[in-house]
Amino acid sequence: EVVSPLGAGGMGEVYRARDTRLGREVAIKVLPQHLSDNAEVRTRFEREARTISGLNHPNICTLFDVGRENETDYLVMELVEGETLADRLMKGPLPAEQVIRIGGEIADALEEAHRAGIVHRDLKPENIFLTSAGGIPDFPKVLDFGLAKVSEREMRPGSLILTQEGMVFGTPEFMSPEQAQGKTLDGRSDIYSLGVILFEMLTGKL
C-alpha cells in the first residue's frame, strides 16, 4: 500500500509504503513509465534487484521483494529513515572520530560488495543515509546500487556486460579517473570515491 512519495532519481521514483501482509513500513522503488519501454534500462533495473538481493550486510539497504505489475517494474526495500550524508555535510565538516567510525562502516559495506564481485560505481554522499538503526546514532546505510555492475574480472563466462557506447554512468565529482575514461573497473574505483567522501567529511569541502 503506497503511502507517500519520498523522492526520485535517474533510475526510479521512491515511495513510502506499508507491507500489509507483514505489517511493516517499506520503500518501493518504481521504474518510471517513460523508461520502462527502454530494454537496456529495464535490464539494468532487473540487475539492480539481483545485485542488492545478493548482499547481506547491516550497512547495505536490504531488498525484500521485486516484481512487475501492469507493465510497472518495482523493488520493495528496507525503509531507511534519517538524512543523507549530503544533507549532513551542508552543516559543515564532521569530527574526526565520527568520520573514522562512519568511514569504516562504509568501507565494511563496500568490502562485502567487492567480495561478491560487485562494484557500486556511484558512491557519493547522496547515496549514504545516516540512520539511528538499533539505537546507534548516525549509522550509515549504503543505498542505490542501481549503477552497480559485477566486476568484470569476477564475471562468469557468458555473463552479460552492460555498457552503452559513448555513455559514462556515475557522478563526476566522485568518479575515479578510470571510470571517467570508461575503463574496466574493480573495487578500487569505489575506494577512490570513498576517499573523496572522507575528504569532504573532514574538511566540509568537495
Protein backbone atom coordinates (compact mmCIF):
# COMPACT_ATOMS: atom_id res chain seq x y z
CA GLU A 1 0.00 0.00 0.00
CA VAL A 2 1.66 3.21 -1.22
CA VAL A 3 1.60 5.97 1.38
CA SER A 4 3.57 8.94 0.02
CA PRO A 5 6.42 9.88 -2.36
CA LEU A 6 9.95 10.01 -0.96
CA GLY A 7 11.99 11.15 -3.93
CA ALA A 8 13.13 10.45 -7.47
CA GLY A 9 16.36 9.89 -9.33
CA GLY A 10 17.60 8.88 -12.73
CA MET A 11 16.78 5.21 -12.19
CA GLY A 12 13.45 5.43 -10.41
CA GLU A 13 10.89 7.03 -8.16
CA VAL A 14 10.78 6.03 -4.47
CA TYR A 15 7.67 5.85 -2.29
CA ARG A 16 6.98 5.14 1.36
CA ALA A 17 4.64 2.16 1.61
CA ARG A 18 3.22 -0.39 4.03
CA ASP A 19 3.55 -4.12 3.60
CA THR A 20 0.04 -5.12 4.68
CA ARG A 21 0.92 -8.82 4.87
CA LEU A 22 3.78 -8.43 7.34
CA GLY A 23 2.74 -5.11 8.87
CA ARG A 24 5.96 -3.22 8.24
CA GLU A 25 6.94 0.07 6.63
CA VAL A 26 8.93 -0.30 3.42
CA ALA A 27 10.21 1.72 0.48
CA ILE A 28 9.09 0.96 -3.08
CA LYS A 29 11.36 1.94 -5.96
CA VAL A 30 9.45 2.14 -9.24
CA LEU A 31 10.92 2.38 -12.72
CA PRO A 32 9.28 5.40 -14.41
CA GLN A 33 6.91 4.51 -17.24
CA HIS A 34 8.82 6.57 -19.79
CA LEU A 35 11.90 4.42 -19.10
CA SER A 36 10.22 1.02 -18.88
CA ASP A 37 9.98 0.88 -22.66
CA ASN A 38 13.79 1.06 -22.87
CA ALA A 39 15.05 -2.53 -22.89
CA GLU A 40 18.53 -1.60 -21.66
CA VAL A 41 17.22 0.47 -18.74
CA ARG A 42 14.83 -2.30 -17.71
CA THR A 43 17.68 -4.79 -17.84
CA ARG A 44 19.75 -2.51 -15.59
CA PHE A 45 16.80 -2.23 -13.20
CA GLU A 46 16.48 -6.01 -13.02
CA ARG A 47 20.23 -6.29 -12.49
CA GLU A 48 19.93 -3.86 -9.57
CA ALA A 49 17.49 -6.25 -7.93
CA ARG A 50 19.81 -9.21 -8.37
CA THR A 51 22.77 -7.15 -7.18
CA ILE A 52 21.14 -5.96 -3.97
CA SER A 53 19.48 -9.28 -3.15
CA GLY A 54 22.87 -10.96 -3.15
CA LEU A 55 24.22 -8.67 -0.43
CA ASN A 56 23.61 -9.17 3.28
CA HIS A 57 25.28 -6.52 5.43
CA PRO A 58 23.95 -4.16 8.14
CA ASN A 59 25.37 -1.13 6.30
CA ILE A 60 23.68 -2.00 3.00
CA CYS A 61 20.00 -1.32 2.34
CA THR A 62 18.06 -4.63 2.35
CA LEU A 63 15.97 -5.78 -0.61
CA PHE A 64 12.72 -7.53 0.37
CA ASP A 65 10.94 -8.19 -2.93
CA VAL A 66 10.92 -7.47 -6.66
CA GLY A 67 8.07 -7.64 -9.15
CA ARG A 68 6.19 -6.30 -12.12
CA GLU A 69 2.56 -5.15 -12.17
CA ASN A 70 0.70 -3.71 -15.17
CA GLU A 71 3.93 -3.03 -17.08
CA THR A 72 5.49 -1.39 -14.00
CA ASP A 73 8.71 -2.81 -12.53
CA TYR A 74 9.36 -2.26 -8.83
CA LEU A 75 11.61 -3.13 -5.90
CA VAL A 76 10.44 -3.38 -2.29
CA MET A 77 13.26 -2.31 0.01
CA GLU A 78 14.06 -1.53 3.60
CA LEU A 79 12.70 1.90 4.55
CA VAL A 80 15.70 3.92 5.68
CA GLU A 81 14.83 6.81 8.00
CA GLY A 82 17.18 9.69 8.71
CA GLU A 83 19.13 12.06 6.46
CA THR A 84 21.65 11.66 3.68
CA LEU A 85 25.30 12.30 4.33
CA ALA A 86 24.99 15.09 1.75
CA ASP A 87 22.35 16.81 3.90
CA ARG A 88 24.54 16.42 6.98
CA LEU A 89 27.55 17.92 5.21
CA MET A 90 25.51 21.01 4.37
CA LYS A 91 26.02 21.90 8.05
CA GLY A 92 29.80 21.64 7.81
CA PRO A 93 32.55 19.05 8.46
CA LEU A 94 32.24 16.21 10.95
CA PRO A 95 34.51 15.48 13.93
CA ALA A 96 37.44 13.23 13.04
CA GLU A 97 36.28 10.46 15.41
CA GLN A 98 32.88 10.39 13.69
CA VAL A 99 34.48 10.34 10.24
CA ILE A 100 36.65 7.37 11.24
CA ARG A 101 33.66 5.39 12.54
CA ILE A 102 31.29 6.19 9.68
CA GLY A 103 34.01 5.81 7.06
CA GLY A 104 35.00 2.43 8.48
CA GLU A 105 31.41 1.18 8.35
CA ILE A 106 31.03 2.33 4.74
CA ALA A 107 34.30 0.57 3.92
CA ASP A 108 32.96 -2.62 5.54
CA ALA A 109 29.86 -2.43 3.30
CA LEU A 110 32.00 -1.95 0.21
CA GLU A 111 34.22 -4.87 1.21
CA GLU A 112 31.14 -7.10 1.36
CA ALA A 113 30.08 -5.95 -2.12
CA HIS A 114 33.57 -6.31 -3.57
CA ARG A 115 33.87 -9.83 -2.16
CA ALA A 116 30.77 -10.64 -4.22
CA GLY A 117 32.37 -9.09 -7.30
CA ILE A 118 30.09 -6.04 -7.18
CA VAL A 119 31.29 -2.50 -7.87
CA HIS A 120 28.89 0.25 -6.74
CA ARG A 121 30.11 2.82 -9.33
CA ASP A 122 28.09 5.73 -7.90
CA LEU A 123 29.21 6.09 -4.30
CA LYS A 124 28.52 9.64 -3.10
CA PRO A 125 27.07 11.40 -0.02
CA GLU A 126 23.57 11.37 -1.56
CA ASN A 127 23.69 7.56 -1.64
CA ILE A 128 24.68 7.21 2.02
CA PHE A 129 21.93 7.52 4.64
CA LEU A 130 22.68 8.25 8.29
CA THR A 131 20.11 6.41 10.41
CA SER A 132 19.53 5.52 14.05
CA ALA A 133 19.35 1.79 13.34
CA GLY A 134 19.47 -0.28 16.51
CA GLY A 135 19.77 2.83 18.61
CA ILE A 136 23.14 3.72 17.07
CA PRO A 137 23.28 7.40 16.04
CA ASP A 138 24.47 8.19 12.52
CA PHE A 139 24.59 4.55 11.45
CA PRO A 140 25.41 4.60 7.71
CA LYS A 141 23.46 2.67 5.09
CA VAL A 142 24.73 2.49 1.51
CA LEU A 143 21.86 2.87 -0.98
CA ASP A 144 21.27 2.76 -4.69
CA PHE A 145 23.31 0.04 -6.29
CA GLY A 146 21.47 1.00 -9.50
CA LEU A 147 24.77 1.66 -11.23
CA ALA A 148 26.49 -1.33 -9.71
CA LYS A 149 27.92 -3.88 -12.04
CA VAL A 150 29.63 -7.19 -11.48
CA SER A 151 33.37 -6.69 -11.62
CA GLU A 152 34.48 -7.99 -14.99
CA ARG A 153 37.35 -9.96 -13.50
CA GLU A 154 34.81 -11.83 -11.32
CA MET A 155 32.21 -12.44 -14.03
CA ARG A 156 31.43 -15.99 -15.04
CA PRO A 157 31.93 -16.88 -18.70
CA GLY A 158 28.86 -15.99 -20.73
CA SER A 159 27.68 -13.27 -18.35
CA LEU A 160 26.28 -10.13 -19.92
CA ILE A 161 28.39 -6.97 -19.66
CA LEU A 162 26.10 -3.98 -19.98
CA THR A 163 27.61 -0.87 -21.50
CA GLN A 164 26.35 1.87 -23.76
CA GLU A 165 28.74 3.35 -26.27
CA GLY A 166 29.65 6.96 -25.51
CA MET A 167 27.97 6.97 -22.07
CA VAL A 168 29.59 7.02 -18.64
CA PHE A 169 27.35 6.33 -15.63
CA GLY A 170 28.13 7.94 -12.29
CA THR A 171 28.64 11.32 -10.64
CA PRO A 172 31.73 13.15 -11.99
CA GLU A 173 32.86 14.73 -8.70
CA PHE A 174 33.22 11.33 -7.02
CA MET A 175 34.21 9.30 -10.07
CA SER A 176 37.59 7.62 -10.34
CA PRO A 177 39.77 8.59 -13.32
CA GLU A 178 39.41 5.06 -14.67
CA GLN A 179 35.61 5.30 -14.61
CA ALA A 180 35.66 8.74 -16.24
CA GLN A 181 37.77 7.25 -19.04
CA GLY A 182 35.39 4.33 -19.48
CA LYS A 183 37.97 1.74 -18.44
CA THR A 184 37.32 -1.64 -16.83
CA LEU A 185 36.59 -1.17 -13.12
CA ASP A 186 37.07 -3.14 -9.94
CA GLY A 187 36.62 -2.31 -6.25
CA ARG A 188 39.48 0.22 -6.30
CA SER A 189 37.20 2.65 -8.12
CA ASP A 190 34.82 2.65 -5.14
CA ILE A 191 37.78 3.15 -2.78
CA TYR A 192 38.69 6.28 -4.74
CA SER A 193 35.11 7.56 -4.35
CA LEU A 194 35.21 6.81 -0.63
CA GLY A 195 38.42 8.81 -0.35
CA VAL A 196 36.72 11.84 -1.91
CA ILE A 197 33.82 11.42 0.51
CA LEU A 198 36.15 11.16 3.53
CA PHE A 199 37.93 14.35 2.46
CA GLU A 200 34.62 16.21 2.30
CA MET A 201 33.53 14.78 5.66
CA LEU A 202 36.74 16.05 7.28
CA THR A 203 37.01 19.43 5.58
CA GLY A 204 33.43 20.31 4.60
CA LYS A 205 34.72 20.92 1.06
CA LEU A 206 34.47 18.83 -2.09
